Amino acid sequence: MRTNILRGLALSAMAALALTACASPNSGNMVTANQSQVAQSVNFGTITGSRPITVQGGNRTGEVVGTIAGGIAGGLLGNEFGKGTGNVLATGAGATAGAAVGNRVAGNVTQQASTEWFVELDNGQNISVIQAQPAFNVGQRVQVVQSGSMTRLVP
């Protein structure tokens, strides 16, 4: 019985790790470890406008905790069903389902207010970048730093 609970908890932890995705930070002042010491292209432009938006979820502590807690709760619930291999499968299925639900619930709680910034680059191209901080003013000159699919604005 204890072995099955431990297996369920292990499955919960694996499900939590699998469902916890890496997300980019929503700030021009923060970069991921993969972006440090990597050449990034820099363009210059002018802020032409902005609009408030909401960013859904992200890789925040709340989501990780929600995923793990949901996985454990689901694993414990699943452990109540079946015997032998059926019990292990029910525990694993409960852990996986619980982790998914916990992640989803926590993701809904971790919404973040942000801003979509519209920038006219010096070459005439218009782009938009979603970034919470720092805040800019219309007409302000900015650096547009790009590395792969990540773009951030810097004063």
C-alpha atoms as a PDB file:
ATOM      1  CA  MET A   1       0.000   0.000   0.000  1.00  0.00           C
ATOM      2  CA  ARG A   2       2.785   2.458   0.929  1.00  0.00           C
ATOM      3  CA  THR A   3       4.666   1.487  -2.232  1.00  0.00           C
ATOM      4  CA  ASN A   4       1.663   2.433  -4.349  1.00  0.00           C
ATOM      5  CA  ILE A   5       1.340   5.799  -2.614  1.00  0.00           C
ATOM      6  CA  LEU A   6       5.042   6.476  -3.186  1.00  0.00           C
ATOM      7  CA  ARG A   7       4.669   5.483  -6.831  1.00  0.00           C
ATOM      8  CA  GLY A   8       1.706   7.832  -7.107  1.00  0.00           C
ATOM      9  CA  LEU A   9       3.660  10.678  -5.583  1.00  0.00           C
ATOM     10  CA  ALA A  10       6.574  10.003  -7.928  1.00  0.00           C
ATOM     11  CA  LEU A  11       4.181  10.010 -10.883  1.00  0.00           C
ATOM     12  CA  SER A  12       2.694  13.260  -9.566  1.00  0.00           C
ATOM     13  CA  ALA A  13       6.097  14.891  -9.462  1.00  0.00           C
ATOM     14  CA  MET A  14       6.921  13.697 -12.997  1.00  0.00           C
ATOM     15  CA  ALA A  15       3.568  14.958 -14.279  1.00  0.00           C
ATOM     16  CA  ALA A  16       4.145  18.308 -12.590  1.00  0.00           C
ATOM     17  CA  LEU A  17       7.546  18.683 -14.204  1.00  0.00           C
ATOM     18  CA  ALA A  18       6.204  17.669 -17.613  1.00  0.00           C
ATOM     19  CA  LEU A  19       3.342  20.146 -17.456  1.00  0.00           C
ATOM     20  CA  THR A  20       5.387  23.067 -16.134  1.00  0.00           C
ATOM     21  CA  ALA A  21       6.579  24.879 -19.252  1.00  0.00           C
ATOM     22  CA  CYS A  22       9.261  27.533 -19.432  1.00  0.00           C
ATOM     23  CA  ALA A  23       7.890  30.952 -20.311  1.00  0.00           C
ATOM     24  CA  SER A  24       9.669  34.133 -21.181  1.00  0.00           C
ATOM     25  CA  PRO A  25       9.784  36.881 -18.593  1.00  0.00           C
ATOM     26  CA  ASN A  26       7.422  39.780 -19.292  1.00  0.00           C
ATOM     27  CA  SER A  27       9.959  42.496 -18.600  1.00  0.00           C
ATOM     28  CA  GLY A  28      12.634  44.285 -20.559  1.00  0.00           C
ATOM     29  CA  ASN A  29      14.731  44.241 -17.390  1.00  0.00           C
ATOM     30  CA  MET A  30      14.878  40.439 -17.044  1.00  0.00           C
ATOM     31  CA  VAL A  31      16.389  37.847 -19.357  1.00  0.00           C
ATOM     32  CA  THR A  32      16.540  34.066 -19.251  1.00  0.00           C
ATOM     33  CA  ALA A  33      19.796  32.280 -18.479  1.00  0.00           C
ATOM     34  CA  ASN A  34      19.942  31.217 -22.149  1.00  0.00           C
ATOM     35  CA  GLN A  35      20.024  34.869 -23.222  1.00  0.00           C
ATOM     36  CA  SER A  36      23.020  35.856 -21.138  1.00  0.00           C
ATOM     37  CA  GLN A  37      26.362  36.052 -22.911  1.00  0.00           C
ATOM     38  CA  VAL A  38      24.685  35.607 -26.298  1.00  0.00           C
ATOM     39  CA  ALA A  39      25.012  38.172 -29.077  1.00  0.00           C
ATOM     40  CA  GLN A  40      21.724  39.960 -29.637  1.00  0.00           C
ATOM     41  CA  SER A  41      20.828  42.315 -32.437  1.00  0.00           C
ATOM     42  CA  VAL A  42      19.870  45.851 -31.487  1.00  0.00           C
ATOM     43  CA  ASN A  43      17.716  48.197 -33.536  1.00  0.00           C
ATOM     44  CA  PHE A  44      16.443  51.615 -32.603  1.00  0.00           C
ATOM     45  CA  GLY A  45      12.934  52.973 -32.858  1.00  0.00           C
ATOM     46  CA  THR A  46      10.286  55.268 -31.461  1.00  0.00           C
ATOM     47  CA  ILE A  47       7.241  54.340 -29.381  1.00  0.00           C
ATOM     48  CA  THR A  48       4.156  55.252 -31.438  1.00  0.00           C
ATOM     49  CA  GLY A  49       1.447  53.892 -29.144  1.00  0.00           C
ATOM     50  CA  SER A  50       0.414  51.299 -26.608  1.00  0.00           C
ATOM     51  CA  ARG A  51      -2.556  49.400 -25.266  1.00  0.00           C
ATOM     52  CA  PRO A  52      -3.169  47.491 -22.031  1.00  0.00           C
ATOM     53  CA  ILE A  53      -3.421  43.714 -22.309  1.00  0.00           C
ATOM     54  CA  THR A  54      -3.537  40.704 -19.995  1.00  0.00           C
ATOM     55  CA  VAL A  55      -0.908  37.974 -20.188  1.00  0.00           C
ATOM     56  CA  GLN A  56      -2.341  34.565 -19.310  1.00  0.00           C
ATOM     57  CA  GLY A  57      -0.231  32.529 -16.914  1.00  0.00           C
ATOM     58  CA  GLY A  58       3.460  31.869 -17.265  1.00  0.00           C
ATOM     59  CA  ASN A  59       6.080  29.904 -15.406  1.00  0.00           C
ATOM     60  CA  ARG A  60       5.365  31.381 -12.014  1.00  0.00           C
ATOM     61  CA  THR A  61       5.732  29.828  -8.592  1.00  0.00           C
ATOM     62  CA  GLY A  62       1.947  29.657  -8.212  1.00  0.00           C
ATOM     63  CA  GLU A  63       1.608  27.519 -11.316  1.00  0.00           C
ATOM     64  CA  VAL A  64       4.359  25.165 -10.203  1.00  0.00           C
ATOM     65  CA  VAL A  65       2.782  24.807  -6.774  1.00  0.00           C
ATOM     66  CA  GLY A  66      -0.667  24.327  -8.335  1.00  0.00           C
ATOM     67  CA  THR A  67       0.648  21.655 -10.673  1.00  0.00           C
ATOM     68  CA  ILE A  68       2.419  19.753  -7.903  1.00  0.00           C
ATOM     69  CA  ALA A  69      -0.459  20.084  -5.423  1.00  0.00           C
ATOM     70  CA  GLY A  70      -2.967  18.971  -8.070  1.00  0.00           C
ATOM     71  CA  GLY A  71      -0.759  16.021  -8.986  1.00  0.00           C
ATOM     72  CA  ILE A  72      -0.432  14.906  -5.385  1.00  0.00           C
ATOM     73  CA  ALA A  73      -4.153  15.298  -4.703  1.00  0.00           C
ATOM     74  CA  GLY A  74      -5.018  13.450  -7.920  1.00  0.00           C
ATOM     75  CA  GLY A  75      -2.533  10.703  -7.109  1.00  0.00           C
ATOM     76  CA  LEU A  76      -3.955  10.234  -3.630  1.00  0.00           C
ATOM     77  CA  LEU A  77      -7.487  10.138  -5.004  1.00  0.00           C
ATOM     78  CA  GLY A  78      -6.524   7.714  -7.775  1.00  0.00           C
ATOM     79  CA  ASN A  79      -4.819   5.507  -5.195  1.00  0.00           C
ATOM     80  CA  GLU A  80      -8.239   4.767  -3.678  1.00  0.00           C
ATOM     81  CA  PHE A  81      -9.264   2.742  -6.738  1.00  0.00           C
ATOM     82  CA  GLY A  82      -8.281  -0.717  -7.985  1.00  0.00           C
ATOM     83  CA  LYS A  83      -5.828  -3.295  -6.727  1.00  0.00           C
ATOM     84  CA  GLY A  84      -2.329  -4.242  -7.882  1.00  0.00           C
ATOM     85  CA  THR A  85      -1.502  -2.918 -11.328  1.00  0.00           C
ATOM     86  CA  GLY A  86      -4.940  -1.319 -11.629  1.00  0.00           C
ATOM     87  CA  ASN A  87      -4.227   0.694  -8.506  1.00  0.00           C
ATOM     88  CA  VAL A  88      -0.879   1.891  -9.872  1.00  0.00           C
ATOM     89  CA  LEU A  89      -2.526   2.891 -13.154  1.00  0.00           C
ATOM     90  CA  ALA A  90      -5.372   4.677 -11.364  1.00  0.00           C
ATOM     91  CA  THR A  91      -2.855   6.493  -9.145  1.00  0.00           C
ATOM     92  CA  GLY A  92      -0.811   7.556 -12.181  1.00  0.00           C
ATOM     93  CA  ALA A  93      -3.902   8.673 -14.105  1.00  0.00           C
ATOM     94  CA  GLY A  94      -5.159  10.585 -11.072  1.00  0.00           C
ATOM     95  CA  ALA A  95      -1.771  12.250 -10.613  1.00  0.00           C
ATOM     96  CA  THR A  96      -1.599  13.287 -14.256  1.00  0.00           C
ATOM     97  CA  ALA A  97      -5.169  14.602 -14.340  1.00  0.00           C
ATOM     98  CA  GLY A  98      -4.703  16.371 -11.009  1.00  0.00           C
ATOM     99  CA  ALA A  99      -1.480  18.001 -12.211  1.00  0.00           C
ATOM    100  CA  ALA A 100      -3.200  19.237 -15.369  1.00  0.00           C
ATOM    101  CA  VAL A 101      -6.144  20.668 -13.426  1.00  0.00           C
ATOM    102  CA  GLY A 102      -3.868  22.230 -10.799  1.00  0.00           C
ATOM    103  CA  ASN A 103      -1.750  23.844 -13.503  1.00  0.00           C
ATOM    104  CA  ARG A 104      -4.813  25.211 -15.284  1.00  0.00           C
ATOM    105  CA  VAL A 105      -6.370  26.630 -12.111  1.00  0.00           C
ATOM    106  CA  ALA A 106      -3.096  28.213 -11.022  1.00  0.00           C
ATOM    107  CA  GLY A 107      -2.569  29.598 -14.547  1.00  0.00           C
ATOM    108  CA  ASN A 108      -5.899  31.388 -14.356  1.00  0.00           C
ATOM    109  CA  VAL A 109      -4.858  32.914 -11.046  1.00  0.00           C
ATOM    110  CA  THR A 110      -1.483  34.098 -12.391  1.00  0.00           C
ATOM    111  CA  GLN A 111      -2.739  36.497 -15.028  1.00  0.00           C
ATOM    112  CA  GLN A 112      -0.601  39.600 -15.338  1.00  0.00           C
ATOM    113  CA  ALA A 113      -1.464  43.075 -16.559  1.00  0.00           C
ATOM    114  CA  SER A 114       0.911  44.113 -19.312  1.00  0.00           C
ATOM    115  CA  THR A 115       1.251  46.490 -22.236  1.00  0.00           C
ATOM    116  CA  GLU A 116       1.557  46.019 -25.976  1.00  0.00           C
ATOM    117  CA  TRP A 117       4.005  48.654 -27.228  1.00  0.00           C
ATOM    118  CA  PHE A 118       3.916  49.791 -30.858  1.00  0.00           C
ATOM    119  CA  VAL A 119       7.305  50.812 -32.214  1.00  0.00           C
ATOM    120  CA  GLU A 120       8.336  52.353 -35.511  1.00  0.00           C
ATOM    121  CA  LEU A 121      11.879  51.218 -36.215  1.00  0.00           C
ATOM    122  CA  ASP A 122      14.349  53.603 -37.822  1.00  0.00           C
ATOM    123  CA  ASN A 123      14.113  51.539 -41.034  1.00  0.00           C
ATOM    124  CA  GLY A 124      10.363  52.332 -41.237  1.00  0.00           C
ATOM    125  CA  GLN A 125       9.149  48.892 -40.133  1.00  0.00           C
ATOM    126  CA  ASN A 126       6.407  48.825 -37.483  1.00  0.00           C
ATOM    127  CA  ILE A 127       6.446  46.169 -34.768  1.00  0.00           C
ATOM    128  CA  SER A 128       4.662  45.488 -31.492  1.00  0.00           C
ATOM    129  CA  VAL A 129       6.212  44.047 -28.345  1.00  0.00           C
ATOM    130  CA  ILE A 130       4.310  42.837 -25.278  1.00  0.00           C
ATOM    131  CA  GLN A 131       6.209  43.820 -22.163  1.00  0.00           C
ATOM    132  CA  ALA A 132       5.091  44.898 -18.678  1.00  0.00           C
ATOM    133  CA  GLN A 133       8.143  46.905 -17.634  1.00  0.00           C
ATOM    134  CA  PRO A 134       9.629  49.391 -18.012  1.00  0.00           C
ATOM    135  CA  ALA A 135       6.903  51.804 -19.099  1.00  0.00           C
ATOM    136  CA  PHE A 136       7.477  54.127 -22.050  1.00  0.00           C
ATOM    137  CA  ASN A 137       5.927  57.324 -23.409  1.00  0.00           C
ATOM    138  CA  VAL A 138       4.722  57.940 -26.951  1.00  0.00           C
ATOM    139  CA  GLY A 139       7.588  59.533 -28.857  1.00  0.00           C
ATOM    140  CA  GLN A 140      10.256  57.985 -26.627  1.00  0.00           C
ATOM    141  CA  ARG A 141      13.312  56.485 -28.338  1.00  0.00           C
ATOM    142  CA  VAL A 142      13.966  52.843 -27.439  1.00  0.00           C
ATOM    143  CA  GLN A 143      16.396  50.066 -28.211  1.00  0.00           C
ATOM    144  CA  VAL A 144      14.765  46.942 -29.653  1.00  0.00           C
ATOM    145  CA  VAL A 145      16.865  43.981 -28.536  1.00  0.00           C
ATOM    146  CA  GLN A 146      16.267  40.715 -30.396  1.00  0.00           C
ATOM    147  CA  SER A 147      17.620  37.251 -29.729  1.00  0.00           C
ATOM    148  CA  GLY A 148      15.945  34.416 -31.605  1.00  0.00           C
ATOM    149  CA  SER A 149      12.207  34.663 -31.021  1.00  0.00           C
ATOM    150  CA  MET A 150      12.608  36.927 -27.965  1.00  0.00           C
ATOM    151  CA  THR A 151      12.306  40.705 -28.339  1.00  0.00           C
ATOM    152  CA  ARG A 152      12.490  43.253 -25.552  1.00  0.00           C
ATOM    153  CA  LEU A 153      12.446  47.022 -25.359  1.00  0.00           C
ATOM    154  CA  VAL A 154      15.074  48.970 -23.437  1.00  0.00           C
ATOM    155  CA  PRO A 155      15.129  52.754 -22.822  1.00  0.00           C
END
